[in-house]
Protein backbone atom coordinates (compact mmCIF):
# COMPACT_ATOMS: atom_id res chain seq x y z
CA MET A 1 -107.86 51.96 37.89
CA GLU A 2 -108.92 52.85 34.42
CA ILE A 3 -110.93 50.35 32.42
CA GLU A 4 -108.30 50.07 29.75
CA ALA A 5 -105.67 49.14 32.29
CA LEU A 6 -108.05 46.52 33.68
CA PHE A 7 -108.34 45.09 30.20
CA ALA A 8 -104.60 45.03 29.72
CA LEU A 9 -104.14 43.34 33.11
CA GLY A 10 -106.95 40.77 32.37
CA MET A 11 -105.43 40.09 28.93
CA PHE A 12 -101.99 39.32 30.52
CA LEU A 13 -103.40 37.13 33.21
CA THR A 14 -105.68 35.23 30.74
CA ALA A 15 -102.68 34.46 28.51
CA ILE A 16 -100.62 33.12 31.50
CA VAL A 17 -103.55 30.90 32.67
CA ALA A 18 -104.06 29.52 29.14
CA LEU A 19 -100.45 28.76 28.70
CA LEU A 20 -100.30 26.96 32.08
CA ALA A 21 -103.33 24.95 30.95
CA GLY A 22 -101.21 23.57 28.11
CA TYR A 23 -102.64 25.45 25.06
CA PRO A 24 -100.09 26.14 22.19
CA VAL A 25 -98.13 29.34 22.73
CA ALA A 26 -98.44 31.04 19.51
CA PHE A 27 -102.20 30.43 19.22
CA THR A 28 -102.76 31.34 22.81
CA LEU A 29 -101.02 34.72 22.47
CA GLY A 30 -102.80 35.49 19.21
CA GLY A 31 -106.15 34.13 20.31
CA VAL A 32 -106.20 36.00 23.66
CA ALA A 33 -105.16 39.16 21.89
CA LEU A 34 -107.96 38.90 19.24
CA LEU A 35 -110.60 38.07 21.96
CA PHE A 36 -109.78 41.21 24.12
CA ALA A 37 -109.44 43.32 20.97
CA LEU A 38 -113.02 42.31 19.88
CA ILE A 39 -114.40 42.71 23.49
CA GLY A 40 -112.67 46.25 23.73
CA ALA A 41 -113.93 47.28 20.31
CA ALA A 42 -117.46 46.15 21.18
CA THR A 43 -117.43 48.10 24.41
CA GLY A 44 -115.69 51.19 22.92
CA HIS A 45 -112.44 50.89 24.84
CA PHE A 46 -110.24 49.61 21.87
CA ASN A 47 -109.30 50.99 18.46
CA LEU A 48 -109.00 48.27 15.96
CA LEU A 49 -106.55 50.32 13.90
CA PHE A 50 -103.81 48.88 16.17
CA ILE A 51 -104.42 45.45 14.59
CA ARG A 52 -103.99 46.88 11.09
CA VAL A 53 -100.32 47.28 11.83
CA LEU A 54 -99.82 43.52 12.15
CA PRO A 55 -99.04 42.87 8.55
CA ASP A 56 -96.32 45.50 8.69
CA ARG A 57 -94.76 43.92 11.73
CA ILE A 58 -94.79 40.44 10.06
CA LEU A 59 -93.15 42.03 6.91
CA GLY A 60 -90.63 43.71 9.09
CA ALA A 61 -89.75 40.42 10.78
CA MET A 62 -89.40 38.77 7.36
CA GLU A 63 -87.03 41.53 6.17
CA ASN A 64 -85.02 41.44 9.43
CA SER A 65 -81.58 40.09 8.43
CA VAL A 66 -80.78 39.27 12.12
CA LEU A 67 -83.54 36.77 12.40
CA VAL A 68 -82.31 34.98 9.29
CA ALA A 69 -79.56 33.65 11.50
CA VAL A 70 -82.08 31.76 13.58
CA PRO A 71 -82.79 28.93 11.14
CA LEU A 72 -79.17 28.70 10.03
CA PHE A 73 -77.93 28.21 13.70
CA VAL A 74 -80.76 25.85 14.28
CA ILE A 75 -79.71 23.68 11.36
CA MET A 76 -76.09 23.86 12.46
CA GLY A 77 -77.06 22.51 15.94
CA VAL A 78 -79.40 19.91 14.64
CA ILE A 79 -76.84 18.48 12.24
CA LEU A 80 -74.12 18.41 14.83
CA GLU A 81 -76.49 16.66 17.34
CA ARG A 82 -77.53 13.89 14.91
CA SER A 83 -73.95 13.25 13.65
CA ARG A 84 -72.90 11.92 17.07
CA VAL A 85 -70.42 14.67 17.58
CA ALA A 86 -71.33 14.65 21.36
CA GLU A 87 -70.28 11.08 21.71
CA ASP A 88 -66.96 11.77 20.18
CA LEU A 89 -66.33 14.88 22.33
CA LEU A 90 -67.34 12.96 25.63
CA HIS A 91 -65.23 9.94 24.61
CA ILE A 92 -62.07 11.95 23.90
CA ALA A 93 -62.46 14.36 26.92
CA SER A 94 -63.15 11.51 29.35
CA ARG A 95 -60.12 9.60 27.97
CA LEU A 96 -57.88 12.59 28.29
CA LEU A 97 -59.04 13.14 31.97
CA ALA A 98 -59.29 9.44 32.86
CA ARG A 99 -56.48 9.69 35.42
CA VAL A 100 -57.97 12.66 37.22
CA ARG A 101 -60.31 12.32 40.14
CA GLY A 102 -63.67 13.60 38.90
CA GLY A 103 -62.35 13.46 35.30
CA LEU A 104 -65.74 12.49 33.85
CA GLY A 105 -67.44 15.29 35.67
CA TYR A 106 -64.89 17.81 34.27
CA ALA A 107 -65.39 16.20 30.75
CA VAL A 108 -69.25 16.60 31.08
CA ILE A 109 -68.87 20.31 31.86
CA LEU A 110 -66.34 20.97 29.09
CA VAL A 111 -68.35 19.00 26.48
CA GLY A 112 -71.53 20.71 27.74
CA ALA A 113 -69.81 24.03 27.06
CA LEU A 114 -68.73 22.97 23.58
CA LEU A 115 -72.03 21.64 22.71
CA ALA A 116 -73.68 24.83 23.96
CA ALA A 117 -71.35 26.84 21.64
CA SER A 118 -72.09 24.50 18.78
CA THR A 119 -75.84 23.63 19.05
CA GLY A 120 -77.28 26.41 21.41
CA ILE A 121 -80.29 24.11 22.01
CA VAL A 122 -80.77 23.28 25.69
CA GLY A 123 -83.15 20.43 25.47
CA ALA A 124 -81.04 18.62 22.94
CA THR A 125 -77.89 19.11 24.90
CA VAL A 126 -79.33 17.93 28.31
CA ILE A 127 -81.01 14.95 26.75
CA THR A 128 -77.87 13.96 24.73
CA MET A 129 -75.60 14.27 27.80
CA THR A 130 -78.12 12.33 30.01
CA LEU A 131 -78.27 9.40 27.59
CA ILE A 132 -74.44 9.39 27.02
CA ALA A 133 -72.91 10.44 30.28
CA LEU A 134 -75.27 9.70 33.11
CA PRO A 135 -75.37 5.88 33.05
CA THR A 136 -71.47 5.95 32.90
CA MET A 137 -71.14 8.38 35.84
CA LEU A 138 -73.53 6.26 37.97
CA ARG A 139 -71.76 3.07 37.13
CA GLN A 140 -68.40 4.51 38.00
CA GLY A 141 -69.68 5.61 41.42
CA TYR A 142 -70.48 9.26 41.13
CA SER A 143 -73.15 10.59 43.59
CA PRO A 144 -76.47 10.79 41.66
CA ARG A 145 -76.83 14.37 42.94
CA LEU A 146 -73.54 15.43 41.68
CA ALA A 147 -73.93 13.55 38.35
CA THR A 148 -77.40 14.94 37.67
CA GLY A 149 -76.60 18.44 38.75
CA THR A 150 -73.42 18.62 36.60
CA ILE A 151 -75.28 17.34 33.49
CA ALA A 152 -78.33 19.72 33.99
CA ALA A 153 -76.14 22.76 34.65
CA SER A 154 -73.85 22.07 31.74
CA GLY A 155 -76.86 21.60 29.40
CA THR A 156 -78.19 25.07 30.29
CA LEU A 157 -74.98 26.63 29.17
CA GLY A 158 -76.60 26.80 25.73
CA GLN A 159 -78.67 29.79 27.00
CA ILE A 160 -75.67 32.01 27.56
CA ILE A 161 -72.56 30.79 25.65
CA PRO A 162 -72.59 32.13 22.06
CA PRO A 163 -73.68 31.41 19.45
CA SER A 164 -77.08 31.05 21.19
CA ILE A 165 -80.58 31.38 19.77
CA VAL A 166 -81.57 33.11 22.95
CA LEU A 167 -78.98 35.94 22.49
CA ILE A 168 -80.01 36.30 18.79
CA LEU A 169 -83.65 36.84 19.75
CA LEU A 170 -82.73 38.98 22.74
CA ALA A 171 -80.59 41.19 20.49
CA ASP A 172 -83.44 41.88 18.26
CA ALA A 173 -85.81 42.56 21.24
CA ILE A 174 -83.43 44.75 23.17
CA SER A 175 -82.51 46.79 20.08
CA ASN A 176 -86.20 47.48 19.31
CA ALA A 177 -86.66 48.32 23.04
CA SER A 178 -83.78 50.76 22.90
CA SER A 179 -85.35 52.50 19.84
CA VAL A 180 -88.71 52.71 21.63
CA ALA A 181 -86.95 54.14 24.82
CA SER A 182 -85.37 56.77 22.65
CA GLY A 183 -88.60 57.68 21.03
CA ARG A 184 -90.38 58.07 24.37
CA ALA A 185 -87.48 60.20 25.74
CA GLY A 186 -87.83 62.61 22.95
CA GLY A 187 -85.42 61.36 20.30
CA GLY A 188 -81.64 61.31 20.43
CA GLU A 189 -79.45 58.44 19.68
CA SER A 190 -81.02 54.99 20.08
CA GLY A 191 -78.32 52.46 20.87
CA VAL A 192 -78.59 49.66 18.33
CA VAL A 193 -77.73 46.40 20.05
CA SER A 194 -76.29 43.86 17.54
CA VAL A 195 -76.07 40.15 17.85
CA GLY A 196 -72.27 40.49 17.89
CA ASP A 197 -72.63 42.85 20.84
CA LEU A 198 -74.46 40.32 22.89
CA PHE A 199 -72.25 37.45 21.88
CA ALA A 200 -69.25 39.47 22.92
CA GLY A 201 -71.07 40.39 26.21
CA ALA A 202 -72.08 36.84 27.02
CA LEU A 203 -68.67 35.23 26.30
CA ILE A 204 -66.95 36.30 29.53
CA PRO A 205 -69.87 35.51 31.90
CA GLY A 206 -70.30 32.12 30.13
CA LEU A 207 -66.68 31.25 30.54
CA ILE A 208 -66.84 32.28 34.22
CA LEU A 209 -69.68 29.89 34.57
CA VAL A 210 -67.79 27.06 33.14
CA GLY A 211 -64.78 27.84 35.42
CA ILE A 212 -66.96 28.01 38.51
CA TYR A 213 -68.59 24.71 37.56
CA LEU A 214 -65.15 23.03 37.18
CA LEU A 215 -63.99 24.53 40.56
CA TYR A 216 -67.12 23.13 42.20
CA VAL A 217 -66.50 19.66 40.95
CA ALA A 218 -62.86 19.94 42.13
CA ALA A 219 -64.05 21.17 45.56
CA VAL A 220 -66.45 18.18 45.88
CA ALA A 221 -63.64 15.76 44.88
CA MET A 222 -61.40 17.26 47.52
CA PHE A 223 -63.83 17.69 50.50
CA ARG A 224 -66.47 15.01 49.67
CA PRO A 225 -64.39 12.21 48.08
CA GLY A 226 -67.27 9.78 48.58
CA ALA A 227 -69.33 11.60 45.90
CA VAL A 228 -66.54 11.26 43.31
CA PRO A 229 -64.87 7.89 42.59
CA LYS A 230 -61.17 7.39 42.38
CA PRO A 231 -59.67 7.19 38.95
CA GLU A 232 -59.85 3.67 37.62
CA PRO A 233 -58.07 2.10 34.62
CA VAL A 234 -60.12 2.75 31.53
CA GLU A 235 -61.52 -0.24 29.67
CA ASP A 236 -59.94 0.93 26.44
CA ASP A 237 -56.38 1.83 27.34
CA THR A 238 -55.39 2.37 23.72
CA PRO A 239 -53.73 5.81 23.51
CA LEU A 240 -55.68 8.47 21.68
CA THR A 241 -54.24 9.14 18.21
CA LEU A 242 -53.58 12.59 16.90
CA ARG A 243 -56.22 11.97 14.19
CA GLU A 244 -58.85 11.18 16.79
CA ILE A 245 -58.11 14.31 18.75
CA ALA A 246 -57.91 16.49 15.70
CA PHE A 247 -61.14 15.26 14.18
CA GLY A 248 -63.06 14.44 17.40
CA LEU A 249 -62.13 17.56 19.41
CA GLY A 250 -60.23 19.94 17.20
CA ALA A 251 -62.75 20.08 14.29
CA PRO A 252 -65.83 21.18 16.42
CA LEU A 253 -63.67 23.63 18.27
CA ALA A 254 -62.32 25.02 15.09
CA LEU A 255 -65.87 25.49 13.78
CA ILE A 256 -67.01 27.27 16.91
CA LEU A 257 -63.86 29.62 16.74
CA ALA A 258 -64.53 30.33 12.98
CA VAL A 259 -68.21 31.22 13.75
CA LEU A 260 -67.46 33.45 16.88
CA GLY A 261 -64.17 34.79 15.51
CA SER A 262 -65.81 35.91 12.24
CA ILE A 263 -68.51 37.84 14.17
CA LEU A 264 -66.34 39.33 16.88
CA GLY A 265 -63.49 40.10 14.43
CA GLY A 266 -65.95 41.95 12.09
CA VAL A 267 -65.21 39.57 9.17
CA ALA A 268 -68.78 38.44 8.79
CA SER A 269 -72.30 39.45 9.92
CA PRO A 270 -74.11 37.10 12.27
CA THR A 271 -76.16 35.82 9.36
CA GLN A 272 -73.02 35.11 7.31
CA ALA A 273 -71.37 33.50 10.35
CA ALA A 274 -74.55 31.34 10.74
CA ALA A 275 -74.22 30.18 7.18
CA ILE A 276 -70.50 29.26 7.82
CA GLY A 277 -71.59 27.37 10.87
CA ALA A 278 -74.34 25.44 9.01
CA LEU A 279 -72.00 24.56 6.10
CA GLY A 280 -69.22 23.60 8.52
CA ALA A 281 -71.54 21.46 10.51
CA MET A 282 -72.72 19.77 7.40
CA LEU A 283 -69.15 19.02 6.29
CA LEU A 284 -68.11 17.71 9.73
CA ALA A 285 -71.20 15.53 9.81
CA GLY A 286 -70.47 14.08 6.38
CA LEU A 287 -66.98 13.44 7.51
CA ARG A 288 -67.93 11.76 10.76
CA LEU A 289 -70.69 9.53 9.13
CA SER A 290 -68.71 8.69 5.92
CA ASP A 291 -67.32 5.19 5.46
CA SER A 292 -65.76 5.69 2.04
CA GLY A 293 -62.23 6.94 1.38
CA TRP A 294 -63.16 9.11 -1.63
CA THR A 295 -65.98 10.83 0.17
CA ARG A 296 -63.69 11.65 3.12
CA ALA A 297 -61.09 13.07 0.74
CA ALA A 298 -63.65 15.15 -1.03
CA ILE A 299 -65.03 16.60 2.27
CA LEU A 300 -61.52 17.21 3.62
CA ALA A 301 -60.74 19.20 0.45
CA GLY A 302 -63.90 21.12 0.93
CA LEU A 303 -62.97 21.93 4.57
CA GLY A 304 -59.45 23.10 3.55
CA ALA A 305 -61.03 25.08 0.73
CA ALA A 306 -63.48 26.80 3.09
CA VAL A 307 -60.68 27.77 5.43
CA ALA A 308 -58.59 29.09 2.57
CA LEU A 309 -61.68 31.02 1.35
CA LEU A 310 -62.21 32.69 4.69
CA ILE A 311 -58.61 33.72 5.00
CA LEU A 312 -58.54 35.04 1.38
CA SER A 313 -61.79 37.07 1.81
CA ALA A 314 -60.52 38.48 5.09
CA ASN A 315 -57.30 39.86 3.35
CA VAL A 316 -58.29 40.69 -0.17
CA ASP A 317 -61.24 42.63 -1.58
CA MET A 318 -62.86 40.22 -4.06
CA ARG A 319 -65.99 42.21 -4.85
CA LEU A 320 -67.24 41.83 -8.52
CA GLY A 321 -68.51 44.51 -10.85
CA ARG A 322 -65.86 47.20 -9.94
CA ASP A 323 -64.41 49.42 -12.65
CA THR A 324 -60.88 48.86 -11.62
CA SER A 325 -59.11 46.02 -9.88
CA THR A 326 -55.42 45.09 -9.25
CA GLY A 327 -53.79 41.91 -10.57
CA ILE A 328 -53.79 40.47 -7.02
CA GLN A 329 -57.50 41.10 -6.70
CA GLN A 330 -58.27 39.48 -10.13
CA SER A 331 -56.11 36.42 -9.17
CA ALA A 332 -57.85 36.28 -5.72
CA ILE A 333 -61.23 36.31 -7.51
CA LEU A 334 -60.14 33.45 -9.68
CA ILE A 335 -58.79 31.48 -6.76
CA GLY A 336 -61.90 32.20 -4.79
CA GLY A 337 -64.03 30.76 -7.59
CA VAL A 338 -62.14 27.51 -7.60
CA LEU A 339 -62.25 27.30 -3.82
CA SER A 340 -65.92 27.99 -3.87
CA VAL A 341 -66.66 25.22 -6.33
CA THR A 342 -64.57 22.90 -4.21
CA VAL A 343 -66.63 23.77 -1.17
CA LEU A 344 -69.89 23.36 -3.01
CA VAL A 345 -68.88 19.78 -4.20
CA ALA A 346 -67.92 18.80 -0.66
CA ALA A 347 -71.22 20.15 0.70
CA LEU A 348 -73.19 18.05 -2.04
CA VAL A 349 -71.10 14.92 -1.00
CA SER A 350 -71.83 15.60 2.68
CA LEU A 351 -75.57 15.90 1.92
CA LEU A 352 -75.41 12.52 0.01
CA VAL A 353 -73.71 10.92 3.07
CA LEU A 354 -76.34 12.25 5.41
CA LYS A 355 -79.13 11.01 3.11
CA ARG A 356 -77.52 7.60 2.81
CA VAL A 357 -77.37 7.15 6.62
CA GLY A 358 -80.89 8.43 7.02
CA GLN A 359 -80.08 11.61 8.86
CA PHE A 360 -80.69 14.31 6.15
CA HIS A 361 -84.47 14.19 6.29
CA ALA A 362 -84.62 13.91 10.08
CA ALA A 363 -82.24 16.84 10.52
CA MET A 364 -83.95 19.10 8.04
CA SER A 365 -87.47 18.26 9.56
CA SER A 366 -86.27 18.97 13.02
CA GLY A 367 -84.75 22.26 11.91
CA VAL A 368 -87.90 23.42 10.04
CA GLN A 369 -90.10 22.49 13.06
CA ILE A 370 -87.97 24.55 15.40
CA THR A 371 -87.79 27.51 13.11
CA SER A 372 -91.44 27.38 12.40
CA MET A 373 -92.21 27.33 16.15
CA VAL A 374 -90.07 30.37 16.72
CA PHE A 375 -91.56 32.51 13.96
CA THR A 376 -95.14 31.45 14.67
CA ILE A 377 -94.67 32.51 18.25
CA LEU A 378 -93.14 35.75 16.93
CA ILE A 379 -96.37 36.45 15.02
CA GLY A 380 -98.62 35.65 18.00
CA ALA A 381 -96.39 37.74 20.33
CA ALA A 382 -96.50 40.58 17.78
CA LEU A 383 -100.41 40.66 17.82
CA PHE A 384 -100.41 40.29 21.65
CA SER A 385 -98.12 43.22 22.01
CA LEU A 386 -100.10 45.41 19.71
CA VAL A 387 -103.36 44.80 21.58
CA PHE A 388 -101.63 45.22 24.94
CA ARG A 389 -100.27 48.54 23.87
CA GLY A 390 -103.70 49.48 22.38
CA TYR A 391 -104.93 49.29 25.91
CA GLY A 392 -102.06 51.38 27.27
CA GLY A 393 -100.47 48.37 28.86
CA ASP A 394 -96.94 49.57 27.99
CA HIS A 395 -97.43 52.83 29.86
CA MET A 396 -98.89 50.96 32.77
CA VAL A 397 -95.76 48.90 32.97
CA GLU A 398 -93.54 51.97 32.71
CA ARG A 399 -95.37 53.81 35.47
CA LEU A 400 -95.12 50.66 37.68
CA LEU A 401 -91.36 50.25 37.13
CA THR A 402 -90.55 53.97 37.61
CA ALA A 403 -92.53 54.06 40.80
CA MET A 404 -90.73 51.14 42.35
CA PRO A 405 -88.86 51.94 45.63
CA GLY A 406 -85.11 51.96 45.17
CA GLY A 407 -85.20 53.61 41.71
CA VAL A 408 -83.31 51.78 39.11
CA THR A 409 -82.07 48.98 41.39
CA GLY A 410 -85.61 48.25 42.65
CA ALA A 411 -87.09 48.29 39.19
CA LEU A 412 -84.36 46.02 37.92
CA PHE A 413 -84.75 43.63 40.86
CA ILE A 414 -88.56 43.26 40.27
CA THR A 415 -88.06 42.70 36.59
CA MET A 416 -85.58 40.00 37.19
CA LEU A 417 -87.67 38.36 39.83
CA VAL A 418 -90.74 38.32 37.58
CA MET A 419 -88.84 36.90 34.64
CA PHE A 420 -87.25 34.22 36.90
CA LEU A 421 -90.70 33.08 38.09
CA LEU A 422 -92.10 33.15 34.48
CA GLY A 423 -89.18 31.02 33.36
CA PHE A 424 -90.65 28.25 35.37
CA PHE A 425 -93.74 28.06 33.13
CA LEU A 426 -92.83 29.83 29.80
CA ASP A 427 -90.13 29.10 27.36
CA PHE A 428 -87.43 31.67 26.72
CA ILE A 429 -89.02 32.44 23.34
CA GLU A 430 -92.29 33.64 24.83
CA ILE A 431 -90.47 35.77 27.55
CA VAL A 432 -88.21 37.42 24.87
CA PHE A 433 -91.08 38.20 22.51
CA VAL A 434 -93.65 39.19 25.09
CA ILE A 435 -92.03 40.30 28.36
CA VAL A 436 -88.79 41.92 27.19
CA PRO A 437 -90.58 44.46 24.95
CA LEU A 438 -92.65 45.57 27.81
CA VAL A 439 -90.06 45.87 30.59
CA ALA A 440 -86.89 46.74 28.69
CA PRO A 441 -87.91 50.27 27.37
CA PRO A 442 -88.71 51.76 30.84
CA LEU A 443 -85.47 50.19 32.26
CA ILE A 444 -83.38 51.70 29.41
CA MET A 445 -85.04 55.08 29.99
CA LEU A 446 -84.04 54.85 33.56
CA GLY A 447 -80.38 54.55 32.36
CA VAL A 448 -79.74 50.77 32.31
CA ASP A 449 -77.14 49.75 29.68
CA PRO A 450 -79.04 47.57 27.03
CA ILE A 451 -76.17 45.03 26.76
CA TRP A 452 -75.80 44.65 30.44
CA LEU A 453 -79.55 44.30 30.77
CA ALA A 454 -79.67 41.62 28.09
CA ILE A 455 -76.84 39.54 29.56
CA LEU A 456 -78.60 39.70 33.08
CA MET A 457 -81.75 38.60 31.44
CA ALA A 458 -80.10 35.68 29.78
CA LEU A 459 -78.32 34.54 32.96
CA ASN A 460 -81.65 34.87 34.77
CA LEU A 461 -83.51 32.68 32.35
CA GLN A 462 -80.72 30.22 32.47
CA THR A 463 -81.10 29.98 36.24
CA SER A 464 -84.89 29.49 36.10
CA PHE A 465 -84.34 26.68 33.57
CA LEU A 466 -82.34 24.98 36.32
CA THR A 467 -84.48 25.64 39.43
CA PRO A 468 -86.84 22.90 40.77
CA PRO A 469 -89.54 21.92 40.65
CA PHE A 470 -90.34 23.49 37.31
CA GLY A 471 -87.11 23.99 35.61
CA PHE A 472 -87.16 22.85 32.05
CA ALA A 473 -83.68 21.35 32.15
CA LEU A 474 -84.70 19.13 35.03
CA PHE A 475 -87.73 17.90 33.11
CA TYR A 476 -85.56 16.97 30.08
CA LEU A 477 -83.09 15.20 32.38
CA ARG A 478 -85.91 13.34 34.30
CA GLY A 479 -87.46 12.17 31.00
CA SER A 480 -84.13 10.63 29.80
CA ALA A 481 -82.68 9.36 33.11
CA PRO A 482 -82.95 5.77 34.25
CA ASP A 483 -86.08 4.83 36.13
CA GLY A 484 -84.22 4.01 39.32
CA LEU A 485 -83.04 7.63 39.70
CA ARG A 486 -85.13 9.59 42.19
CA THR A 487 -86.52 12.89 41.25
CA ILE A 488 -85.58 14.42 44.61
CA ASP A 489 -81.89 13.63 43.95
CA ILE A 490 -82.18 15.47 40.54
CA TRP A 491 -83.64 18.51 42.45
CA LYS A 492 -81.04 18.48 45.15
CA GLY A 493 -78.30 17.97 42.69
CA ALA A 494 -79.30 21.21 40.85
CA VAL A 495 -79.28 23.36 44.06
CA PRO A 496 -75.55 24.01 44.37
CA PHE A 497 -75.34 25.04 40.71
CA ILE A 498 -78.28 27.39 41.14
CA GLY A 499 -76.16 29.05 43.99
CA LEU A 500 -73.23 29.25 41.49
CA GLN A 501 -75.51 30.84 38.82
CA ILE A 502 -76.75 33.41 41.39
CA LEU A 503 -73.18 34.24 42.24
CA VAL A 504 -72.47 35.02 38.69
CA ILE A 505 -75.60 37.06 38.26
CA ALA A 506 -74.58 39.06 41.39
CA LEU A 507 -71.02 39.54 39.83
CA VAL A 508 -72.44 40.78 36.56
CA ALA A 509 -74.88 43.08 38.41
CA ALA A 510 -72.15 44.49 40.69
CA VAL A 511 -69.51 44.80 37.86
CA PRO A 512 -71.29 45.65 34.64
CA ALA A 513 -67.84 45.65 32.84
CA VAL A 514 -67.93 41.87 32.99
CA ALA A 515 -70.64 42.07 30.35
CA THR A 516 -69.87 45.35 28.65
CA TRP A 517 -66.07 45.44 28.30
CA LEU A 518 -65.62 42.97 25.48
CA PRO A 519 -68.40 44.53 23.27
CA GLU A 520 -66.64 47.96 23.75
CA VAL A 521 -63.29 46.51 22.76
CA ALA A 522 -64.74 44.52 19.73
CA GLY A 523 -66.57 47.61 18.62
CA ARG A 524 -63.54 49.88 18.36
């Protein structure tokens, strides 16, 4: 083996060991890269010119409009999490399904899916659902294994159901990998993979997962009735009002549909849709936490104006600065201005409500911390990738994958296995920024569809998050669960859902159209 290849392999193994030892991810990646770059330069095996490209990489990330959606979706999720939307959703869903055997289990899965689509943050979803739903499920007589497995599996849906931060980062990494693969293959068209493509590709597999989870709970209720209690009269038998359902269930659902619909329908870019989501989350949080009639009226007016503005902009060209415009367009511009002012006033009122209840500073601080973590890791991963490529590590990975027995199938299987195992120890951000740029270009060169590959990777990472003993979702659940709950019950509860995950991965692998059909339809 060449000395450069040994340096590349040693660099990768050193980074893994340092991460397992608990060192911060971003500084580990950057520090290991600098250490091996200096050692290589001192021994004459590395050209420091590779590092000089780093500022251009950082500037490119800053100018990448796709990545602007990350902080906006993070803020959307954090605000919804802190405004007790999850409590409202679970309360309403469990009341609606109270007379069905296993109704609370169904409610947890459905609420987990809605939270996944609205927050996209796995840790927050698992912890929230554990604190809210697990004590109630155990008190009603649900099997600890079924209760914990249902909550953990539902919480990981944030990895695959759009809008998901994982899919946003994967879209950027896969698109870059597709360009690299096109360059290595001698030019030609490089298939640009957009965030909307991955959102569309992940939607059907995500809904299939939700459906399979629901069927599993139904099967347990039918064949193992001891694990699922009989329906009992609810403590609060007051019928749900239309207002409770509309604001508690309909409003979050409408926000999700507005964000996804604007992307898939081509009305807004992912960044613009993320801004819509952040604004909508702010208005819903203000409405949920407000205790004053006039503030609620102002926020409701803002919500109505926001909906009207979206409909107006989708049907009339309201661009300014044009030489000619019709009377309808001029009227639409004037109406749009009034609606925009109404939305702005409602947003300011919502911010005042959040500040008054002490949630504004906490939500913004949490959003800044998560966003800073993502982009700091991005910088460290960029430096690591540059040095690794300077040693020829990318070509080594390419030769390794193309030499695998079984051709494309063998290379894809090994890649999925390695990513699955790394998912025990690394967060999805490190895997997307470090591993995907190395393995995706050779696979795309072998003829693998980029969208299909990205969806398989997202499902794979979701499964590793759920797999004992190292699955992150299980750690989140264990840390939030009652002390009397045994860890072994949490592990055993996750096993059936892991099997369901593998079934869906096998389905997507065997029938690529499950992931590629909707992006093709949406792109027409």
